[in-house]
PDB file of N, CA and C in Angstrom:
ATOM      1  N   MET A   1     -11.792  17.553  -1.654  1.00  0.00           N
ATOM      2  CA  MET A   1     -10.915  17.017  -0.534  1.00  0.00           C
ATOM      3  C   MET A   1     -11.057  17.177   0.324  1.00  0.00           C
ATOM      4  N   ASN A   2      -9.908  15.368   0.808  1.00  0.00           N
ATOM      5  CA  ASN A   2     -11.064  14.931   1.709  1.00  0.00           C
ATOM      6  C   ASN A   2     -10.185  14.738   3.289  1.00  0.00           C
ATOM      7  N   GLU A   3     -10.715  15.546   4.621  1.00  0.00           N
ATOM      8  CA  GLU A   3      -9.452  15.592   5.661  1.00  0.00           C
ATOM      9  C   GLU A   3      -8.324  15.532   5.609  1.00  0.00           C
ATOM     10  N   THR A   4      -7.631  14.248   5.018  1.00  0.00           N
ATOM     11  CA  THR A   4      -5.806  13.959   4.853  1.00  0.00           C
ATOM     12  C   THR A   4      -5.204  15.280   3.668  1.00  0.00           C
ATOM     13  N   ASP A   5      -5.742  14.744   2.495  1.00  0.00           N
ATOM     14  CA  ASP A   5      -5.631  16.377   2.031  1.00  0.00           C
ATOM     15  C   ASP A   5      -5.334  17.456   2.598  1.00  0.00           C
ATOM     16  N   ARG A   6      -6.684  18.166   3.011  1.00  0.00           N
ATOM     17  CA  ARG A   6      -6.014  19.126   3.884  1.00  0.00           C
ATOM     18  C   ARG A   6      -5.142  19.661   5.128  1.00  0.00           C
ATOM     19  N   ASP A   7      -5.230  18.226   5.745  1.00  0.00           N
ATOM     20  CA  ASP A   7      -4.056  18.484   6.736  1.00  0.00           C
ATOM     21  C   ASP A   7      -2.448  18.366   6.139  1.00  0.00           C
ATOM     22  N   LEU A   8      -1.997  17.610   5.054  1.00  0.00           N
ATOM     23  CA  LEU A   8      -1.597  17.206   4.728  1.00  0.00           C
ATOM     24  C   LEU A   8      -0.572  17.635   3.589  1.00  0.00           C
ATOM     25  N   PRO A   9      -1.365  19.074   3.256  1.00  0.00           N
ATOM     26  CA  PRO A   9      -1.298  18.713   1.563  1.00  0.00           C
ATOM     27  C   PRO A   9      -0.104  19.006   0.601  1.00  0.00           C
ATOM     28  N   ASN A  10       0.704  18.831   1.145  1.00  0.00           N
ATOM     29  CA  ASN A  10       1.744  18.879   0.766  1.00  0.00           C
ATOM     30  C   ASN A  10       2.288  17.027   0.204  1.00  0.00           C
ATOM     31  N   ARG A  11       2.300  15.990   0.661  1.00  0.00           N
ATOM     32  CA  ARG A  11       2.845  14.712   1.165  1.00  0.00           C
ATOM     33  C   ARG A  11       2.477  14.599   0.037  1.00  0.00           C
ATOM     34  N   PRO A  12       3.143  13.735  -0.510  1.00  0.00           N
ATOM     35  CA  PRO A  12       3.214  13.056  -1.804  1.00  0.00           C
ATOM     36  C   PRO A  12       1.984  11.593  -1.647  1.00  0.00           C
ATOM     37  N   ARG A  13       1.562  11.617  -3.013  1.00  0.00           N
ATOM     38  CA  ARG A  13       1.560  10.370  -2.765  1.00  0.00           C
ATOM     39  C   ARG A  13       1.859   9.597  -4.504  1.00  0.00           C
ATOM     40  N   VAL A  14       2.257   8.187  -4.449  1.00  0.00           N
ATOM     41  CA  VAL A  14       2.590   7.299  -5.909  1.00  0.00           C
ATOM     42  C   VAL A  14       1.714   6.880  -6.150  1.00  0.00           C
ATOM     43  N   TRP A  15       1.170   6.133  -7.523  1.00  0.00           N
ATOM     44  CA  TRP A  15      -0.046   5.654  -7.619  1.00  0.00           C
ATOM     45  C   TRP A  15       0.972   4.460  -7.685  1.00  0.00           C
ATOM     46  N   LEU A  16       0.371   3.388  -7.733  1.00  0.00           N
ATOM     47  CA  LEU A  16       0.963   1.880  -8.371  1.00  0.00           C
ATOM     48  C   LEU A  16       0.588   0.983  -9.039  1.00  0.00           C
ATOM     49  N   VAL A  17      -0.123   1.678  -9.871  1.00  0.00           N
ATOM     50  CA  VAL A  17      -1.142   0.868 -11.198  1.00  0.00           C
ATOM     51  C   VAL A  17      -0.530  -0.789 -10.994  1.00  0.00           C
ATOM     52  N   ALA A  18      -1.755  -1.913 -10.792  1.00  0.00           N
ATOM     53  CA  ALA A  18      -1.390  -2.726 -10.917  1.00  0.00           C
ATOM     54  C   ALA A  18      -2.182  -3.206 -12.244  1.00  0.00           C
ATOM     55  N   GLN A  19      -1.012  -4.311 -12.467  1.00  0.00           N
ATOM     56  CA  GLN A  19      -0.829  -5.047 -13.745  1.00  0.00           C
ATOM     57  C   GLN A  19      -1.052  -6.327 -14.131  1.00  0.00           C
ATOM     58  N   ILE A  20      -1.509  -7.082 -15.694  1.00  0.00           N
ATOM     59  CA  ILE A  20      -1.456  -8.357 -15.075  1.00  0.00           C
ATOM     60  C   ILE A  20       0.063  -9.133 -14.894  1.00  0.00           C
ATOM     61  N   GLY A  21      -0.127 -10.329 -15.122  1.00  0.00           N
ATOM     62  CA  GLY A  21       1.731 -10.307 -14.478  1.00  0.00           C
ATOM     63  C   GLY A  21       2.292  -9.837 -12.722  1.00  0.00           C
ATOM     64  N   THR A  22       3.896 -10.274 -13.038  1.00  0.00           N
ATOM     65  CA  THR A  22       4.029 -10.128 -11.363  1.00  0.00           C
ATOM     66  C   THR A  22       5.240  -8.800 -11.421  1.00  0.00           C
ATOM     67  N   THR A  23       4.836  -7.985 -10.525  1.00  0.00           N
ATOM     68  CA  THR A  23       6.045  -6.853 -10.495  1.00  0.00           C
ATOM     69  C   THR A  23       6.430  -6.769  -9.386  1.00  0.00           C
ATOM     70  N   PRO A  24       7.569  -6.702  -9.205  1.00  0.00           N
ATOM     71  CA  PRO A  24       8.695  -6.589  -7.962  1.00  0.00           C
ATOM     72  C   PRO A  24       8.801  -6.314  -7.200  1.00  0.00           C
ATOM     73  N   GLU A  25       8.790  -6.945  -5.792  1.00  0.00           N
ATOM     74  CA  GLU A  25       8.188  -5.926  -4.472  1.00  0.00           C
ATOM     75  C   GLU A  25       9.258  -5.436  -4.156  1.00  0.00           C
ATOM     76  N   PRO A  26       9.319  -3.334  -4.255  1.00  0.00           N
ATOM     77  CA  PRO A  26       9.931  -2.528  -3.585  1.00  0.00           C
ATOM     78  C   PRO A  26      10.704  -2.194  -2.922  1.00  0.00           C
ATOM     79  N   ALA A  27      11.895  -1.154  -2.906  1.00  0.00           N
ATOM     80  CA  ALA A  27      13.107  -1.706  -2.785  1.00  0.00           C
ATOM     81  C   ALA A  27      13.103  -1.246  -1.054  1.00  0.00           C
ATOM     82  N   ASP A  28      12.567  -0.785  -0.609  1.00  0.00           N
ATOM     83  CA  ASP A  28      12.070   0.344  -0.252  1.00  0.00           C
ATOM     84  C   ASP A  28      10.651   0.244   0.583  1.00  0.00           C
ATOM     85  N   LEU A  29      10.174  -1.122   0.710  1.00  0.00           N
ATOM     86  CA  LEU A  29       9.088  -1.686   1.262  1.00  0.00           C
ATOM     87  C   LEU A  29       8.302  -0.454   2.394  1.00  0.00           C
ATOM     88  N   PRO A  30       7.376   0.102   0.611  1.00  0.00           N
ATOM     89  CA  PRO A  30       6.552   1.257   1.762  1.00  0.00           C
ATOM     90  C   PRO A  30       5.485   1.530   2.221  1.00  0.00           C
ATOM     91  N   ALA A  31       5.033   1.866   3.102  1.00  0.00           N
ATOM     92  CA  ALA A  31       2.672   1.437   3.575  1.00  0.00           C
ATOM     93  C   ALA A  31       2.604   2.332   2.660  1.00  0.00           C
ATOM     94  N   VAL A  32       1.936   0.826   2.168  1.00  0.00           N
ATOM     95  CA  VAL A  32       0.827   1.404   1.318  1.00  0.00           C
ATOM     96  C   VAL A  32      -0.991   1.443   1.226  1.00  0.00           C
ATOM     97  N   ARG A  33      -1.840   2.033   0.738  1.00  0.00           N
ATOM     98  CA  ARG A  33      -2.754   1.961   0.739  1.00  0.00           C
ATOM     99  C   ARG A  33      -3.836   1.365  -0.411  1.00  0.00           C
ATOM    100  N   ASP A  34      -4.140   0.307  -0.515  1.00  0.00           N
ATOM    101  CA  ASP A  34      -5.108  -0.376  -1.026  1.00  0.00           C
ATOM    102  C   ASP A  34      -7.160   0.184  -1.412  1.00  0.00           C
ATOM    103  N   THR A  35      -6.767   0.030  -2.677  1.00  0.00           N
ATOM    104  CA  THR A  35      -8.606   0.516  -3.393  1.00  0.00           C
ATOM    105  C   THR A  35      -9.276   0.463  -1.927  1.00  0.00           C
ATOM    106  N   ARG A  36      -9.584  -0.015  -0.590  1.00  0.00           N
ATOM    107  CA  ARG A  36     -10.384  -0.038  -0.187  1.00  0.00           C
ATOM    108  C   ARG A  36      -9.884   0.691   1.604  1.00  0.00           C
ATOM    109  N   MET A  37      -9.082   1.560   0.777  1.00  0.00           N
ATOM    110  CA  MET A  37      -8.952   2.347   2.349  1.00  0.00           C
ATOM    111  C   MET A  37      -8.069   1.856   2.951  1.00  0.00           C
ATOM    112  N   ARG A  38      -8.457   0.759   3.418  1.00  0.00           N
ATOM    113  CA  ARG A  38      -6.615   0.138   4.114  1.00  0.00           C
ATOM    114  C   ARG A  38      -5.433   0.089   3.414  1.00  0.00           C
ATOM    115  N   THR A  39      -4.754   0.457   5.195  1.00  0.00           N
ATOM    116  CA  THR A  39      -3.741   0.777   4.635  1.00  0.00           C
ATOM    117  C   THR A  39      -2.229  -0.615   4.888  1.00  0.00           C
ATOM    118  N   TRP A  40      -1.598  -1.037   4.463  1.00  0.00           N
ATOM    119  CA  TRP A  40      -1.086  -2.090   4.607  1.00  0.00           C
ATOM    120  C   TRP A  40       0.749  -2.179   4.991  1.00  0.00           C
ATOM    121  N   VAL A  41       1.088  -1.824   5.860  1.00  0.00           N
ATOM    122  CA  VAL A  41       2.234  -1.460   6.374  1.00  0.00           C
ATOM    123  C   VAL A  41       3.463  -3.519   6.617  1.00  0.00           C
ATOM    124  N   PRO A  42       4.708  -3.198   5.836  1.00  0.00           N
ATOM    125  CA  PRO A  42       4.816  -4.361   5.610  1.00  0.00           C
ATOM    126  C   PRO A  42       6.238  -5.105   7.392  1.00  0.00           C
ATOM    127  N   GLY A  43       5.966  -6.643   7.683  1.00  0.00           N
ATOM    128  CA  GLY A  43       6.121  -6.217   9.017  1.00  0.00           C
ATOM    129  C   GLY A  43       7.182  -7.016   8.524  1.00  0.00           C
ATOM    130  N   THR A  44       8.175  -8.138  10.161  1.00  0.00           N
ATOM    131  CA  THR A  44       9.505  -8.252  10.394  1.00  0.00           C
ATOM    132  C   THR A  44       9.598  -9.094   9.370  1.00  0.00           C
ATOM    133  N   ASP A  45       8.687 -10.194   9.016  1.00  0.00           N
ATOM    134  CA  ASP A  45       8.474 -11.274   8.435  1.00  0.00           C
ATOM    135  C   ASP A  45       8.232 -11.434   7.118  1.00  0.00           C
ATOM    136  N   GLY A  46       8.041 -10.056   6.312  1.00  0.00           N
ATOM    137  CA  GLY A  46       9.083  -9.872   5.750  1.00  0.00           C
ATOM    138  C   GLY A  46       7.249  -9.828   4.384  1.00  0.00           C
ATOM    139  N   VAL A  47       6.189 -10.156   5.479  1.00  0.00           N
ATOM    140  CA  VAL A  47       4.677  -9.932   4.670  1.00  0.00           C
ATOM    141  C   VAL A  47       4.018  -8.427   5.026  1.00  0.00           C
ATOM    142  N   TYR A  48       3.394  -7.950   4.414  1.00  0.00           N
ATOM    143  CA  TYR A  48       2.449  -7.156   4.167  1.00  0.00           C
ATOM    144  C   TYR A  48       1.563  -6.943   5.505  1.00  0.00           C
ATOM    145  N   HIS A  49       0.749  -6.275   6.316  1.00  0.00           N
ATOM    146  CA  HIS A  49       0.233  -6.415   7.201  1.00  0.00           C
ATOM    147  C   HIS A  49      -0.771  -5.389   7.534  1.00  0.00           C
ATOM    148  N   SER A  50      -2.309  -5.135   7.821  1.00  0.00           N
ATOM    149  CA  SER A  50      -2.970  -4.311   7.495  1.00  0.00           C
ATOM    150  C   SER A  50      -3.416  -3.792   9.063  1.00  0.00           C
ATOM    151  N   ALA A  51      -3.262  -2.564   9.445  1.00  0.00           N
ATOM    152  CA  ALA A  51      -3.386  -1.132  10.277  1.00  0.00           C
ATOM    153  C   ALA A  51      -4.129  -1.696  11.064  1.00  0.00           C
ATOM    154  N   ASP A  52      -5.422  -3.111  11.220  1.00  0.00           N
ATOM    155  CA  ASP A  52      -6.220  -3.455  11.953  1.00  0.00           C
ATOM    156  C   ASP A  52      -5.232  -4.783  12.982  1.00  0.00           C
ATOM    157  N   GLY A  53      -4.106  -5.243  11.632  1.00  0.00           N
ATOM    158  CA  GLY A  53      -3.270  -6.635  12.292  1.00  0.00           C
ATOM    159  C   GLY A  53      -4.686  -7.832  11.512  1.00  0.00           C
ATOM    160  N   TRP A  54      -5.944  -7.882  11.584  1.00  0.00           N
ATOM    161  CA  TRP A  54      -6.564  -9.264  11.203  1.00  0.00           C
ATOM    162  C   TRP A  54      -5.772  -9.518   9.834  1.00  0.00           C
ATOM    163  N   HIS A  55      -5.973  -8.000   8.569  1.00  0.00           N
ATOM    164  CA  HIS A  55      -5.189  -9.116   7.451  1.00  0.00           C
ATOM    165  C   HIS A  55      -4.278  -9.489   6.886  1.00  0.00           C
ATOM    166  N   HIS A  56      -3.188 -10.166   6.677  1.00  0.00           N
ATOM    167  CA  HIS A  56      -2.479 -10.177   5.622  1.00  0.00           C
ATOM    168  C   HIS A  56      -2.271 -10.694   4.839  1.00  0.00           C
ATOM    169  N   ALA A  57      -0.990 -10.001   3.866  1.00  0.00           N
ATOM    170  CA  ALA A  57      -0.775 -10.813   2.231  1.00  0.00           C
ATOM    171  C   ALA A  57       0.802 -10.507   1.694  1.00  0.00           C
ATOM    172  N   THR A  58       1.538 -11.305   0.754  1.00  0.00           N
ATOM    173  CA  THR A  58       3.018 -10.804   0.206  1.00  0.00           C
ATOM    174  C   THR A  58       2.905  -9.420  -0.655  1.00  0.00           C
ATOM    175  N   TRP A  59       3.959  -9.116  -0.863  1.00  0.00           N
ATOM    176  CA  TRP A  59       3.482  -8.032  -1.659  1.00  0.00           C
ATOM    177  C   TRP A  59       2.651  -8.468  -3.794  1.00  0.00           C
ATOM    178  N   THR A  60       3.166  -9.473  -4.035  1.00  0.00           N
ATOM    179  CA  THR A  60       3.108 -10.351  -5.494  1.00  0.00           C
ATOM    180  C   THR A  60       0.946 -10.060  -5.388  1.00  0.00           C
ATOM    181  N   GLU A  61       0.701 -10.786  -3.800  1.00  0.00           N
ATOM    182  CA  GLU A  61      -0.308 -10.960  -3.066  1.00  0.00           C
ATOM    183  C   GLU A  61      -1.708  -9.603  -3.585  1.00  0.00           C
ATOM    184  N   LEU A  62      -0.536  -8.697  -2.983  1.00  0.00           N
ATOM    185  CA  LEU A  62      -0.920  -7.061  -2.276  1.00  0.00           C
ATOM    186  C   LEU A  62      -1.494  -6.767  -3.939  1.00  0.00           C
ATOM    187  N   HIS A  63      -0.518  -7.139  -4.759  1.00  0.00           N
ATOM    188  CA  HIS A  63      -0.210  -5.889  -6.034  1.00  0.00           C
ATOM    189  C   HIS A  63      -1.687  -6.624  -7.187  1.00  0.00           C
ATOM    190  N   ALA A  64      -1.230  -7.880  -6.951  1.00  0.00           N
ATOM    191  CA  ALA A  64      -2.549  -9.269  -7.889  1.00  0.00           C
ATOM    192  C   ALA A  64      -4.471  -8.537  -7.688  1.00  0.00           C
ATOM    193  N   HIS A  65      -3.861  -8.289  -6.170  1.00  0.00           N
ATOM    194  CA  HIS A  65      -5.831  -7.590  -6.209  1.00  0.00           C
ATOM    195  C   HIS A  65      -5.828  -5.923  -5.775  1.00  0.00           C
ATOM    196  N   TYR A  66      -5.206  -5.774  -5.922  1.00  0.00           N
ATOM    197  CA  TYR A  66      -5.220  -3.919  -5.800  1.00  0.00           C
ATOM    198  C   TYR A  66      -4.789  -2.890  -6.307  1.00  0.00           C
ATOM    199  N   ASP A  67      -4.465  -1.930  -6.733  1.00  0.00           N
ATOM    200  CA  ASP A  67      -4.323  -0.311  -7.489  1.00  0.00           C
ATOM    201  C   ASP A  67      -3.682   0.257  -6.319  1.00  0.00           C
ATOM    202  N   LEU A  68      -2.582   0.100  -5.976  1.00  0.00           N
ATOM    203  CA  LEU A  68      -2.261   0.932  -4.055  1.00  0.00           C
ATOM    204  C   LEU A  68      -1.485   1.984  -4.468  1.00  0.00           C
ATOM    205  N   VAL A  69      -1.382   2.879  -3.731  1.00  0.00           N
ATOM    206  CA  VAL A  69      -0.948   3.894  -3.450  1.00  0.00           C
ATOM    207  C   VAL A  69       0.404   4.439  -2.366  1.00  0.00           C
ATOM    208  N   GLU A  70       1.345   4.447  -2.626  1.00  0.00           N
ATOM    209  CA  GLU A  70       2.223   4.521  -1.027  1.00  0.00           C
ATOM    210  C   GLU A  70       2.030   5.692  -0.362  1.00  0.00           C
ATOM    211  N   VAL A  71       1.755   5.341   0.937  1.00  0.00           N
ATOM    212  CA  VAL A  71       1.145   6.043   2.072  1.00  0.00           C
ATOM    213  C   VAL A  71       2.730   7.009   2.329  1.00  0.00           C
ATOM    214  N   ALA A  72       2.824   8.422   2.219  1.00  0.00           N
ATOM    215  CA  ALA A  72       4.941   8.688   2.505  1.00  0.00           C
ATOM    216  C   ALA A  72       3.314   9.586   4.234  1.00  0.00           C
TER     217      ALA A  72
END
């Protein structure tokens, strides 16, 4: 159990499993975390940005490179 699980035990996590091919962008544009534990948030420009502001990617790029989990 990590610190987040202790602090927020009832928060759901929905795994978005990476797969070969394209996956449509979710309509609600959730913030997601990748397998490197970076949090990505959608920007007003339609591109996801890492919390530190150094990285950016489209939904298709994120989905192609990482297994993603929704940050609820």
